[in-house]
Each structure stands twice: as structure tokens, then as C-alpha cells.
Amino acid sequence: MLRFRRRPAGTHGPDALPSPVADLGKYHRVEDKDDYRHRMLVNAAAFIFVAALIGAGLWLADSIAQMRKNQDCVLAGHRGCTPVEYVPKRY
């Protein structure tokens, strides 16, 4: 069981200890005009970039899986592992 002792009067509150940070005023954000259009353009560009990364990752994973499938087929000694498409010419 823990026993908590009461602090003497005047040792708690905002003025009890000095702040460990000298001044937070330099981090205060001035309420200026929000550039909504620029922010939306940056968000759209980030979305397109992430979508392109996801698409490239899916394409790469599919290519690797197809190559692994073909390699397993060839190493097993099968013939005709890769399909060859033939389109007859009409004259």
C-alpha cells in the first residue's frame, strides 16, 4: 500500500516550479491567412504520389510471382511453361 503525503500549501500550481523551457513564444503561430488552395494541391500531389507507389508495388509483386511460377514450372521439367499467344493473320 502506498501512502501519499500532502504537500505543504503553496508548493503546487503553475508558480510552484520554474519552467524547464525558457520561452515558448517563438513557437506561437500567428493567425495568418490559411492558403487553402495550396494546401489542397499539396494534398492531391501527395495522394497521387502514394497511389503511384502502391501501384508500382503491386505491379512488382505480380511480376515476381509470375516469374517464380514460370521458374518453378521450368525447374520441374515441364514443357510449355510460358504461354505463347498466336494471332493468325487474315488476308
Protein backbone atom coordinates (compact mmCIF):
# COMPACT_ATOMS: atom_id res chain seq x y z
CA MET A 1 0.00 0.00 0.00
CA LEU A 2 1.31 3.43 -0.90
CA ARG A 3 0.83 6.32 1.41
CA PHE A 4 0.57 9.72 -0.17
CA ARG A 5 1.64 12.67 1.86
CA ARG A 6 0.00 16.01 1.44
CA ARG A 7 2.16 18.74 0.07
CA PRO A 8 2.55 21.90 2.07
CA ALA A 9 0.43 24.81 0.94
CA GLY A 10 1.87 26.80 -1.93
CA THR A 11 4.04 24.03 -3.44
CA HIS A 12 1.68 23.09 -6.25
CA GLY A 13 0.21 25.09 -9.07
CA PRO A 14 1.63 26.99 -12.01
CA ASP A 15 4.05 29.09 -9.94
CA ALA A 16 5.47 26.24 -7.84
CA LEU A 17 8.43 25.31 -10.06
CA PRO A 18 10.23 27.31 -12.74
CA SER A 19 9.52 26.23 -16.30
CA PRO A 20 12.17 23.91 -17.80
CA VAL A 21 11.78 25.78 -21.09
CA ALA A 22 12.92 29.37 -21.26
CA ASP A 23 10.30 30.77 -23.64
CA LEU A 24 7.64 29.14 -25.81
CA GLY A 25 6.72 32.39 -27.52
CA LYS A 26 8.93 31.62 -30.51
CA TYR A 27 6.72 28.62 -31.33
CA HIS A 28 3.50 30.59 -31.24
CA ARG A 29 1.75 30.51 -34.60
CA VAL A 30 0.49 33.80 -35.88
CA GLU A 31 -3.07 33.55 -37.13
CA ASP A 32 -2.47 34.47 -40.74
CA LYS A 33 -4.49 33.73 -43.83
CA ASP A 34 -4.73 29.99 -44.48
CA ASP A 35 -3.75 29.17 -48.06
CA TYR A 36 -6.45 26.54 -48.66
CA ARG A 37 -5.77 26.15 -52.39
CA HIS A 38 -2.05 25.49 -51.91
CA ARG A 39 -2.74 23.01 -49.11
CA MET A 40 -5.23 21.09 -51.28
CA LEU A 41 -2.78 21.00 -54.20
CA VAL A 42 -0.07 19.60 -51.95
CA ASN A 43 -2.52 17.02 -50.57
CA ALA A 44 -3.52 15.99 -54.10
CA ALA A 45 0.12 15.67 -55.16
CA ALA A 46 0.89 13.55 -52.09
CA PHE A 47 -2.14 11.34 -52.80
CA ILE A 48 -1.06 10.80 -56.43
CA PHE A 49 2.49 10.01 -55.32
CA VAL A 50 1.32 7.45 -52.74
CA ALA A 51 -1.11 5.89 -55.25
CA ALA A 52 1.75 5.58 -57.77
CA LEU A 53 3.95 3.91 -55.13
CA ILE A 54 1.18 1.44 -54.29
CA GLY A 55 0.59 0.71 -57.98
CA ALA A 56 4.29 0.14 -58.60
CA GLY A 57 4.48 -2.16 -55.58
CA LEU A 58 1.51 -4.23 -56.78
CA TRP A 59 2.94 -4.46 -60.30
CA LEU A 60 6.33 -5.54 -58.92
CA ALA A 61 4.77 -8.16 -56.64
CA ASP A 62 2.72 -9.56 -59.54
CA SER A 63 5.77 -9.71 -61.82
CA ILE A 64 7.82 -11.50 -59.17
CA ALA A 65 5.03 -14.00 -58.54
CA GLN A 66 4.68 -14.72 -62.29
CA MET A 67 8.45 -15.19 -62.68
CA ARG A 68 8.50 -17.54 -59.68
CA LYS A 69 5.65 -19.55 -61.17
CA ASN A 70 7.46 -19.85 -64.53
CA GLN A 71 10.75 -20.76 -62.84
CA ASP A 72 9.09 -23.49 -60.76
CA CYS A 73 7.48 -24.89 -63.91
CA VAL A 74 10.80 -24.98 -65.80
CA LEU A 75 12.73 -26.46 -62.86
CA ALA A 76 10.10 -29.19 -62.54
CA GLY A 77 10.90 -30.23 -66.11
CA HIS A 78 7.60 -29.29 -67.72
CA ARG A 79 7.35 -28.07 -71.30
CA GLY A 80 5.33 -25.13 -72.45
CA CYS A 81 5.53 -23.23 -69.16
CA THR A 82 5.07 -19.80 -70.67
CA PRO A 83 2.05 -19.30 -72.89
CA VAL A 84 2.77 -18.07 -76.40
CA GLU A 85 -0.01 -16.06 -77.94
CA TYR A 86 -0.58 -16.62 -81.62
CA VAL A 87 -2.90 -14.43 -83.62
CA PRO A 88 -3.42 -15.67 -87.18
CA LYS A 89 -3.24 -13.00 -89.84
CA ARG A 90 -6.28 -12.60 -92.07
CA TYR A 91 -5.70 -11.78 -95.69
